[in-house]
């Protein structure tokens, strides 16, 4: 049997084992959750609790109620969309919190989900992509509006699909 060459031994040293790959991936996933997702979820819970404690939830809900009704949602559901501006997880967590409180139904949470994903993390992505790429400022408004329009379309389509099921 031939002995491994020096080049073959170097390849064996460089290539990590499947266990090392798994551990590295798990570690990376943990840090993403701890550094990005958890703070966004805390933001959503703090936002909702602040609005509830101060009574602003009722005022905001009444003010945007007619617009949200188009999508089959109560006005208070706007909180999930506002939270989604900062992070997708925050929007989804806000919708889950509204559901847990009985403010929205499971169907209404389902309507909110694609909107939270579609326009989620809009502020962060806008800064990281549009601002750092030095995009023409005349397009900034449009670049901010497109994900919001997409979110509105996704809520409307989800409402229609749910209606038929």
N, C-alpha and C. Protein backbone atom coordinates (compact mmCIF):
# COMPACT_ATOMS: atom_id res chain seq x y z
N UNK A 1 0.84 -1.18 0.00
CA UNK A 1 0.00 0.00 0.00
C UNK A 1 0.88 1.24 0.00
N UNK A 2 0.55 2.21 -0.83
CA UNK A 2 1.37 3.41 -0.97
C UNK A 2 1.10 4.36 0.19
N UNK A 3 2.16 5.02 0.60
CA UNK A 3 2.03 6.00 1.67
C UNK A 3 1.55 7.32 1.08
N UNK A 4 0.78 8.10 1.87
CA UNK A 4 0.30 9.38 1.35
C UNK A 4 1.46 10.32 1.05
N UNK A 5 1.30 11.10 0.00
CA UNK A 5 2.32 12.08 -0.36
C UNK A 5 2.18 13.30 0.54
N UNK A 6 3.16 14.16 0.50
CA UNK A 6 3.12 15.38 1.31
C UNK A 6 1.94 16.25 0.89
N UNK A 7 1.66 16.31 -0.40
CA UNK A 7 0.53 17.12 -0.88
C UNK A 7 -0.79 16.55 -0.38
N UNK A 8 -0.92 15.23 -0.39
CA UNK A 8 -2.13 14.58 0.11
C UNK A 8 -2.34 14.81 1.58
N UNK A 9 -1.26 14.82 2.35
CA UNK A 9 -1.37 15.06 3.79
C UNK A 9 -1.80 16.49 4.06
N UNK A 10 -1.34 17.44 3.24
CA UNK A 10 -1.74 18.84 3.43
C UNK A 10 -3.24 19.00 3.20
N UNK A 11 -3.79 18.30 2.20
CA UNK A 11 -5.22 18.38 1.93
C UNK A 11 -6.02 17.82 3.10
N UNK A 12 -5.52 16.76 3.70
CA UNK A 12 -6.24 16.17 4.83
C UNK A 12 -6.23 17.11 6.02
N UNK A 13 -5.18 17.85 6.20
CA UNK A 13 -5.09 18.79 7.32
C UNK A 13 -6.00 20.00 7.11
N UNK A 14 -6.15 20.44 5.88
CA UNK A 14 -6.92 21.63 5.57
C UNK A 14 -8.42 21.35 5.63
N UNK A 15 -8.83 20.23 5.13
CA UNK A 15 -10.26 19.92 5.04
C UNK A 15 -10.80 19.55 6.43
N UNK A 16 -11.77 20.35 6.94
CA UNK A 16 -12.33 20.04 8.25
C UNK A 16 -13.28 18.83 8.18
N UNK A 17 -13.42 18.18 9.30
CA UNK A 17 -14.31 17.02 9.34
C UNK A 17 -15.76 17.50 9.32
N UNK A 18 -16.66 16.57 9.09
CA UNK A 18 -18.09 16.91 9.05
C UNK A 18 -18.57 17.42 10.42
N UNK A 19 -17.99 16.91 11.48
CA UNK A 19 -18.35 17.36 12.83
C UNK A 19 -17.89 18.80 13.04
N UNK A 20 -16.68 19.11 12.56
CA UNK A 20 -16.17 20.48 12.68
C UNK A 20 -17.02 21.45 11.86
N UNK A 21 -17.45 21.02 10.68
CA UNK A 21 -18.32 21.84 9.84
C UNK A 21 -19.65 22.10 10.54
N UNK A 22 -20.20 21.04 11.14
CA UNK A 22 -21.47 21.17 11.84
C UNK A 22 -21.34 22.14 13.01
N UNK A 23 -20.30 21.98 13.80
CA UNK A 23 -20.09 22.85 14.97
C UNK A 23 -19.91 24.30 14.53
N UNK A 24 -19.15 24.52 13.47
CA UNK A 24 -18.95 25.89 12.96
C UNK A 24 -20.27 26.50 12.49
N UNK A 25 -21.07 25.70 11.79
CA UNK A 25 -22.37 26.20 11.33
C UNK A 25 -23.32 26.48 12.48
N UNK A 26 -23.34 25.61 13.47
CA UNK A 26 -24.19 25.81 14.64
C UNK A 26 -23.77 27.06 15.40
N UNK A 27 -22.48 27.26 15.52
CA UNK A 27 -21.95 28.45 16.22
C UNK A 27 -22.36 29.72 15.47
N UNK A 28 -22.23 29.69 14.15
CA UNK A 28 -22.61 30.84 13.35
C UNK A 28 -24.11 31.12 13.48
N UNK A 29 -24.91 30.07 13.44
CA UNK A 29 -26.36 30.22 13.60
C UNK A 29 -26.73 30.79 14.95
N UNK A 30 -26.05 30.34 15.99
CA UNK A 30 -26.31 30.85 17.34
C UNK A 30 -26.03 32.35 17.41
N UNK A 31 -24.88 32.77 16.85
CA UNK A 31 -24.53 34.19 16.90
C UNK A 31 -25.48 35.04 16.06
N UNK A 32 -25.94 34.53 14.94
CA UNK A 32 -26.92 35.27 14.15
C UNK A 32 -28.20 35.46 14.97
N UNK A 33 -28.65 34.39 15.62
CA UNK A 33 -29.84 34.49 16.45
C UNK A 33 -29.66 35.43 17.62
N UNK A 34 -28.52 35.33 18.28
CA UNK A 34 -28.27 36.14 19.48
C UNK A 34 -28.01 37.60 19.15
N UNK A 35 -27.35 37.87 18.05
CA UNK A 35 -26.96 39.23 17.72
C UNK A 35 -27.96 39.97 16.84
N UNK A 36 -28.75 39.25 16.07
CA UNK A 36 -29.65 39.93 15.13
C UNK A 36 -31.12 39.66 15.40
N UNK A 37 -31.48 38.40 15.50
CA UNK A 37 -32.89 38.05 15.60
C UNK A 37 -33.47 38.38 16.97
N UNK A 38 -32.78 38.00 18.03
CA UNK A 38 -33.31 38.25 19.39
C UNK A 38 -33.53 39.74 19.66
N UNK A 39 -32.57 40.62 19.34
CA UNK A 39 -32.83 42.05 19.58
C UNK A 39 -34.03 42.58 18.78
N UNK A 40 -34.20 42.09 17.56
CA UNK A 40 -35.33 42.52 16.76
C UNK A 40 -36.65 42.08 17.39
N UNK A 41 -36.67 40.88 17.93
CA UNK A 41 -37.89 40.39 18.58
C UNK A 41 -38.17 41.18 19.86
N UNK A 42 -37.13 41.49 20.60
CA UNK A 42 -37.30 42.30 21.81
C UNK A 42 -37.85 43.67 21.43
N UNK A 43 -37.33 44.24 20.34
CA UNK A 43 -37.84 45.53 19.85
C UNK A 43 -39.33 45.45 19.59
N UNK A 44 -39.77 44.40 18.95
CA UNK A 44 -41.19 44.25 18.64
C UNK A 44 -42.03 44.17 19.92
N UNK A 45 -41.59 43.36 20.87
CA UNK A 45 -42.34 43.23 22.12
C UNK A 45 -42.37 44.55 22.89
N UNK A 46 -41.26 45.25 22.93
CA UNK A 46 -41.20 46.54 23.64
C UNK A 46 -42.11 47.55 22.95
N UNK A 47 -42.09 47.59 21.63
CA UNK A 47 -42.95 48.51 20.87
C UNK A 47 -44.41 48.25 21.16
N UNK A 48 -44.82 47.01 21.09
CA UNK A 48 -46.23 46.68 21.35
C UNK A 48 -46.61 46.99 22.79
N UNK A 49 -45.76 46.63 23.72
CA UNK A 49 -46.07 46.88 25.13
C UNK A 49 -46.14 48.38 25.42
N UNK A 50 -45.23 49.15 24.82
CA UNK A 50 -45.26 50.60 24.98
C UNK A 50 -46.57 51.18 24.46
N UNK A 51 -46.98 50.75 23.28
CA UNK A 51 -48.22 51.24 22.71
C UNK A 51 -49.43 50.84 23.55
N UNK A 52 -49.41 49.64 24.11
CA UNK A 52 -50.51 49.19 24.97
C UNK A 52 -50.57 49.97 26.28
N UNK A 53 -49.43 50.14 26.92
CA UNK A 53 -49.38 50.82 28.21
C UNK A 53 -49.80 52.28 28.09
N UNK A 54 -49.33 52.94 27.06
CA UNK A 54 -49.63 54.36 26.89
C UNK A 54 -51.01 54.62 26.30
N UNK A 55 -51.66 53.59 25.79
CA UNK A 55 -52.96 53.78 25.16
C UNK A 55 -52.86 54.21 23.71
N UNK A 56 -51.64 54.32 23.21
CA UNK A 56 -51.45 54.73 21.82
C UNK A 56 -51.90 53.67 20.83
N UNK A 57 -51.93 52.42 21.26
CA UNK A 57 -52.35 51.33 20.37
C UNK A 57 -53.79 51.59 19.89
N UNK A 58 -54.64 52.01 20.79
CA UNK A 58 -56.04 52.29 20.42
C UNK A 58 -56.11 53.46 19.46
N UNK A 59 -55.33 54.50 19.72
CA UNK A 59 -55.35 55.69 18.86
C UNK A 59 -54.81 55.35 17.48
N UNK A 60 -53.67 54.66 17.44
CA UNK A 60 -53.08 54.27 16.16
C UNK A 60 -54.01 53.33 15.41
N UNK A 61 -54.58 52.37 16.13
CA UNK A 61 -55.51 51.42 15.52
C UNK A 61 -56.72 52.09 14.90
N UNK A 62 -57.25 53.08 15.60
CA UNK A 62 -58.41 53.82 15.08
C UNK A 62 -58.02 54.64 13.86
N UNK A 63 -56.85 55.25 13.90
CA UNK A 63 -56.41 56.12 12.81
C UNK A 63 -56.17 55.35 11.51
N UNK A 64 -55.55 54.18 11.61
CA UNK A 64 -55.22 53.43 10.39
C UNK A 64 -56.21 52.29 10.12
N UNK A 65 -57.23 52.18 10.95
CA UNK A 65 -58.21 51.12 10.81
C UNK A 65 -58.82 51.00 9.42
N UNK A 66 -59.27 52.11 8.82
CA UNK A 66 -59.87 52.00 7.49
C UNK A 66 -58.91 51.47 6.42
N UNK A 67 -57.65 51.85 6.51
CA UNK A 67 -56.67 51.37 5.54
C UNK A 67 -56.40 49.88 5.75
N UNK A 68 -56.23 49.49 7.01
CA UNK A 68 -55.94 48.08 7.30
C UNK A 68 -57.15 47.19 7.02
N UNK A 69 -58.35 47.74 7.09
CA UNK A 69 -59.56 46.97 6.81
C UNK A 69 -59.58 46.46 5.37
N UNK A 70 -58.94 47.18 4.47
CA UNK A 70 -58.86 46.74 3.07
C UNK A 70 -58.21 45.36 2.99
N UNK A 71 -57.30 45.10 3.91
CA UNK A 71 -56.59 43.82 3.93
C UNK A 71 -57.21 42.82 4.90
N UNK A 72 -58.34 43.19 5.49
CA UNK A 72 -59.00 42.31 6.45
C UNK A 72 -58.33 42.30 7.81
N UNK A 73 -57.67 43.40 8.15
CA UNK A 73 -56.92 43.49 9.40
C UNK A 73 -57.45 44.62 10.27
N UNK A 74 -57.33 44.48 11.59
CA UNK A 74 -57.67 45.61 12.47
C UNK A 74 -56.55 46.65 12.39
N UNK A 75 -56.85 47.85 12.78
CA UNK A 75 -55.86 48.92 12.73
C UNK A 75 -54.61 48.64 13.54
N UNK A 76 -54.77 47.91 14.65
CA UNK A 76 -53.61 47.62 15.52
C UNK A 76 -52.55 46.78 14.81
N UNK A 77 -52.92 46.11 13.74
CA UNK A 77 -51.96 45.27 13.00
C UNK A 77 -50.85 46.09 12.36
N UNK A 78 -51.04 47.40 12.27
CA UNK A 78 -49.99 48.26 11.70
C UNK A 78 -48.70 48.16 12.50
N UNK A 79 -48.81 47.82 13.78
CA UNK A 79 -47.62 47.68 14.63
C UNK A 79 -46.67 46.63 14.06
N UNK A 80 -47.20 45.54 13.57
CA UNK A 80 -46.35 44.48 13.00
C UNK A 80 -45.63 45.00 11.75
N UNK A 81 -46.31 45.81 10.96
CA UNK A 81 -45.68 46.34 9.75
C UNK A 81 -44.61 47.37 10.09
N UNK A 82 -44.86 48.18 11.09
CA UNK A 82 -43.85 49.16 11.52
C UNK A 82 -42.63 48.43 12.08
N UNK A 83 -42.87 47.41 12.89
CA UNK A 83 -41.75 46.63 13.45
C UNK A 83 -40.97 45.94 12.34
N UNK A 84 -41.66 45.50 11.29
CA UNK A 84 -40.99 44.83 10.17
C UNK A 84 -40.06 45.77 9.42
N UNK A 85 -40.33 47.07 9.48
CA UNK A 85 -39.41 48.04 8.86
C UNK A 85 -38.00 47.86 9.40
N UNK A 86 -37.90 47.55 10.69
CA UNK A 86 -36.59 47.43 11.33
C UNK A 86 -35.99 46.04 11.14
N UNK A 87 -36.84 45.02 11.20
CA UNK A 87 -36.35 43.65 11.01
C UNK A 87 -37.54 42.73 10.74
N UNK A 88 -37.34 41.78 9.84
CA UNK A 88 -38.39 40.81 9.53
C UNK A 88 -38.84 40.08 10.78
N UNK A 89 -37.87 39.68 11.59
CA UNK A 89 -38.18 38.95 12.82
C UNK A 89 -39.01 39.80 13.76
N UNK A 90 -38.73 41.10 13.80
CA UNK A 90 -39.51 41.98 14.67
C UNK A 90 -40.96 42.06 14.21
N UNK A 91 -41.17 42.14 12.90
CA UNK A 91 -42.54 42.17 12.38
C UNK A 91 -43.29 40.88 12.66
N UNK A 92 -42.61 39.76 12.44
CA UNK A 92 -43.24 38.47 12.71
C UNK A 92 -43.49 38.29 14.20
N UNK A 93 -42.55 38.74 15.04
CA UNK A 93 -42.74 38.65 16.49
C UNK A 93 -43.88 39.55 16.93
N UNK A 94 -44.00 40.71 16.32
CA UNK A 94 -45.10 41.61 16.67
C UNK A 94 -46.44 40.99 16.28
N UNK A 95 -46.49 40.36 15.11
CA UNK A 95 -47.73 39.69 14.70
C UNK A 95 -48.05 38.54 15.65
N UNK A 96 -47.04 37.79 16.05
CA UNK A 96 -47.25 36.68 16.99
C UNK A 96 -47.74 37.20 18.34
N UNK A 97 -47.20 38.32 18.76
CA UNK A 97 -47.62 38.92 20.03
C UNK A 97 -49.06 39.41 19.95
N UNK A 98 -49.40 40.03 18.83
CA UNK A 98 -50.79 40.49 18.64
C UNK A 98 -51.75 39.30 18.63
N UNK A 99 -51.32 38.20 18.04
CA UNK A 99 -52.13 36.99 18.02
C UNK A 99 -52.28 36.42 19.44
N UNK A 100 -51.18 36.38 20.18
CA UNK A 100 -51.21 35.84 21.55
C UNK A 100 -52.10 36.68 22.46
N UNK A 101 -52.17 37.98 22.19
CA UNK A 101 -53.02 38.87 22.99
C UNK A 101 -54.48 38.82 22.55
N UNK A 102 -54.75 38.18 21.43
CA UNK A 102 -56.12 38.10 20.92
C UNK A 102 -56.52 39.30 20.09
N UNK A 103 -55.56 40.15 19.75
CA UNK A 103 -55.85 41.34 18.94
C UNK A 103 -56.14 40.96 17.50
N UNK A 104 -55.42 39.94 16.99
CA UNK A 104 -55.66 39.46 15.63
C UNK A 104 -55.88 37.95 15.67
N UNK A 105 -56.51 37.44 14.63
CA UNK A 105 -56.76 36.00 14.52
C UNK A 105 -55.59 35.33 13.80
N UNK A 106 -55.64 34.01 13.73
CA UNK A 106 -54.60 33.27 13.01
C UNK A 106 -54.62 33.63 11.52
N UNK A 107 -55.81 33.81 10.96
CA UNK A 107 -55.91 34.20 9.55
C UNK A 107 -55.30 35.58 9.32
N UNK A 108 -55.53 36.50 10.24
CA UNK A 108 -54.97 37.83 10.10
C UNK A 108 -53.45 37.82 10.26
N UNK A 109 -52.95 36.98 11.15
CA UNK A 109 -51.50 36.83 11.28
C UNK A 109 -50.91 36.27 9.99
N UNK A 110 -51.63 35.36 9.35
CA UNK A 110 -51.19 34.79 8.08
C UNK A 110 -51.14 35.87 7.00
N UNK A 111 -52.08 36.78 7.02
CA UNK A 111 -52.10 37.88 6.05
C UNK A 111 -50.89 38.79 6.28
N UNK A 112 -50.52 39.00 7.53
CA UNK A 112 -49.40 39.87 7.86
C UNK A 112 -48.04 39.26 7.49
N UNK A 113 -47.93 37.95 7.58
CA UNK A 113 -46.63 37.30 7.41
C UNK A 113 -45.92 37.66 6.10
N UNK A 114 -46.56 37.49 4.93
CA UNK A 114 -45.81 37.82 3.69
C UNK A 114 -45.42 39.29 3.61
N UNK A 115 -46.22 40.16 4.20
CA UNK A 115 -45.87 41.58 4.19
C UNK A 115 -44.63 41.84 5.04
N UNK A 116 -44.57 41.18 6.19
CA UNK A 116 -43.39 41.34 7.07
C UNK A 116 -42.13 40.84 6.37
N UNK A 117 -42.26 39.76 5.63
CA UNK A 117 -41.10 39.21 4.93
C UNK A 117 -40.74 40.08 3.72
N UNK A 118 -41.76 40.55 3.01
CA UNK A 118 -41.52 41.32 1.79
C UNK A 118 -40.85 42.65 2.08
N UNK A 119 -41.32 43.36 3.08
CA UNK A 119 -40.72 44.67 3.35
C UNK A 119 -39.84 44.65 4.59
N UNK A 120 -39.64 43.47 5.15
CA UNK A 120 -38.85 43.36 6.36
C UNK A 120 -37.44 43.87 6.22
N UNK A 121 -36.96 44.46 7.28
CA UNK A 121 -35.62 45.01 7.38
C UNK A 121 -35.38 46.08 6.31
N UNK A 122 -36.43 46.78 5.94
CA UNK A 122 -36.34 47.79 4.88
C UNK A 122 -35.31 48.87 5.22
N UNK A 123 -35.34 49.36 6.44
CA UNK A 123 -34.42 50.43 6.82
C UNK A 123 -32.97 49.94 6.74
N UNK A 124 -32.70 48.79 7.32
CA UNK A 124 -31.33 48.26 7.30
C UNK A 124 -30.83 47.98 5.90
N UNK A 125 -31.67 47.34 5.09
CA UNK A 125 -31.26 47.04 3.71
C UNK A 125 -31.07 48.32 2.90
N UNK A 126 -31.94 49.29 3.12
CA UNK A 126 -31.83 50.55 2.40
C UNK A 126 -30.48 51.20 2.67
N UNK A 127 -30.11 51.25 3.94
CA UNK A 127 -28.83 51.87 4.30
C UNK A 127 -27.67 51.05 3.76
N UNK A 128 -27.72 49.72 3.95
CA UNK A 128 -26.60 48.88 3.53
C UNK A 128 -26.44 48.83 2.02
N UNK A 129 -27.52 48.92 1.27
CA UNK A 129 -27.43 48.74 -0.17
C UNK A 129 -27.53 50.06 -0.93
N UNK A 130 -28.61 50.80 -0.72
CA UNK A 130 -28.85 52.01 -1.51
C UNK A 130 -27.90 53.13 -1.14
N UNK A 131 -27.75 53.39 0.14
CA UNK A 131 -26.89 54.50 0.57
C UNK A 131 -25.42 54.19 0.29
N UNK A 132 -24.97 52.99 0.66
CA UNK A 132 -23.56 52.68 0.46
C UNK A 132 -23.18 52.53 -1.01
N UNK A 133 -24.16 52.20 -1.87
CA UNK A 133 -23.85 52.10 -3.30
C UNK A 133 -23.90 53.47 -3.98
N UNK A 134 -24.27 54.49 -3.21
CA UNK A 134 -24.34 55.86 -3.72
C UNK A 134 -25.33 55.99 -4.88
N UNK A 135 -26.49 55.34 -4.72
CA UNK A 135 -27.54 55.41 -5.75
C UNK A 135 -28.04 56.85 -5.87
N UNK A 136 -28.50 57.18 -7.04
CA UNK A 136 -29.01 58.53 -7.30
C UNK A 136 -30.13 58.86 -6.31
N UNK A 137 -30.01 60.01 -5.64
CA UNK A 137 -30.97 60.39 -4.59
C UNK A 137 -32.38 60.58 -5.12
N UNK A 138 -32.54 60.88 -6.38
CA UNK A 138 -33.89 61.08 -6.90
C UNK A 138 -34.70 59.78 -6.88
N UNK A 139 -34.04 58.63 -6.77
CA UNK A 139 -34.72 57.34 -6.75
C UNK A 139 -34.94 56.80 -5.33
N UNK A 140 -34.42 57.47 -4.32
CA UNK A 140 -34.53 56.96 -2.95
C UNK A 140 -35.98 56.76 -2.51
N UNK A 141 -36.83 57.71 -2.80
CA UNK A 141 -38.24 57.59 -2.42
C UNK A 141 -38.90 56.38 -3.07
N UNK A 142 -38.64 56.21 -4.34
CA UNK A 142 -39.20 55.07 -5.06
C UNK A 142 -38.66 53.76 -4.51
N UNK A 143 -37.37 53.72 -4.22
CA UNK A 143 -36.76 52.51 -3.68
C UNK A 143 -37.30 52.16 -2.30
N UNK A 144 -37.76 53.14 -1.56
CA UNK A 144 -38.39 52.88 -0.26
C UNK A 144 -39.85 52.45 -0.43
N UNK A 145 -40.51 52.99 -1.45
CA UNK A 145 -41.94 52.70 -1.65
C UNK A 145 -42.21 51.33 -2.27
N UNK A 146 -41.34 50.86 -3.12
CA UNK A 146 -41.58 49.59 -3.82
C UNK A 146 -41.80 48.43 -2.85
N UNK A 147 -40.96 48.23 -1.82
CA UNK A 147 -41.24 47.12 -0.89
C UNK A 147 -42.55 47.30 -0.13
N UNK A 148 -42.93 48.53 0.16
CA UNK A 148 -44.19 48.78 0.86
C UNK A 148 -45.36 48.42 -0.06
N UNK A 149 -45.27 48.79 -1.32
CA UNK A 149 -46.31 48.44 -2.30
C UNK A 149 -46.38 46.92 -2.46
N UNK A 150 -45.21 46.28 -2.55
CA UNK A 150 -45.18 44.82 -2.64
C UNK A 150 -45.83 44.18 -1.41
N UNK A 151 -45.58 44.74 -0.25
CA UNK A 151 -46.18 44.21 0.98
C UNK A 151 -47.70 44.36 0.95
N UNK A 152 -48.19 45.50 0.47
CA UNK A 152 -49.64 45.71 0.37
C UNK A 152 -50.26 44.71 -0.61
N UNK A 153 -49.61 44.50 -1.74
CA UNK A 153 -50.11 43.53 -2.72
C UNK A 153 -50.12 42.13 -2.12
N UNK A 154 -49.06 41.78 -1.39
CA UNK A 154 -49.00 40.43 -0.80
C UNK A 154 -50.09 40.23 0.26
N UNK A 155 -50.39 41.27 1.03
CA UNK A 155 -51.48 41.15 2.02
C UNK A 155 -52.82 40.98 1.32
N UNK A 156 -53.04 41.76 0.28
CA UNK A 156 -54.30 41.68 -0.45
C UNK A 156 -54.47 40.31 -1.11
N UNK A 157 -53.40 39.81 -1.74
CA UNK A 157 -53.47 38.49 -2.38
C UNK A 157 -53.66 37.38 -1.34
N UNK A 158 -52.98 37.48 -0.23
CA UNK A 158 -53.13 36.47 0.84
C UNK A 158 -54.55 36.47 1.37
N UNK A 159 -55.13 37.65 1.52
CA UNK A 159 -56.52 37.74 1.97
C UNK A 159 -57.46 37.04 0.99
N UNK A 160 -57.24 37.25 -0.29
CA UNK A 160 -58.08 36.62 -1.32
C UNK A 160 -57.91 35.10 -1.27
N UNK A 161 -56.68 34.63 -1.17
CA UNK A 161 -56.42 33.18 -1.13
C UNK A 161 -57.08 32.56 0.10
N UNK A 162 -56.95 33.20 1.24
CA UNK A 162 -57.56 32.68 2.47
C UNK A 162 -59.08 32.66 2.34
N UNK A 163 -59.63 33.65 1.68
CA UNK A 163 -61.09 33.71 1.51
C UNK A 163 -61.61 32.50 0.76
N UNK A 164 -60.86 32.00 -0.22
CA UNK A 164 -61.31 30.87 -1.01
C UNK A 164 -61.04 29.52 -0.34
N UNK A 165 -60.25 29.51 0.71
CA UNK A 165 -59.98 28.27 1.42
C UNK A 165 -60.77 28.28 2.69
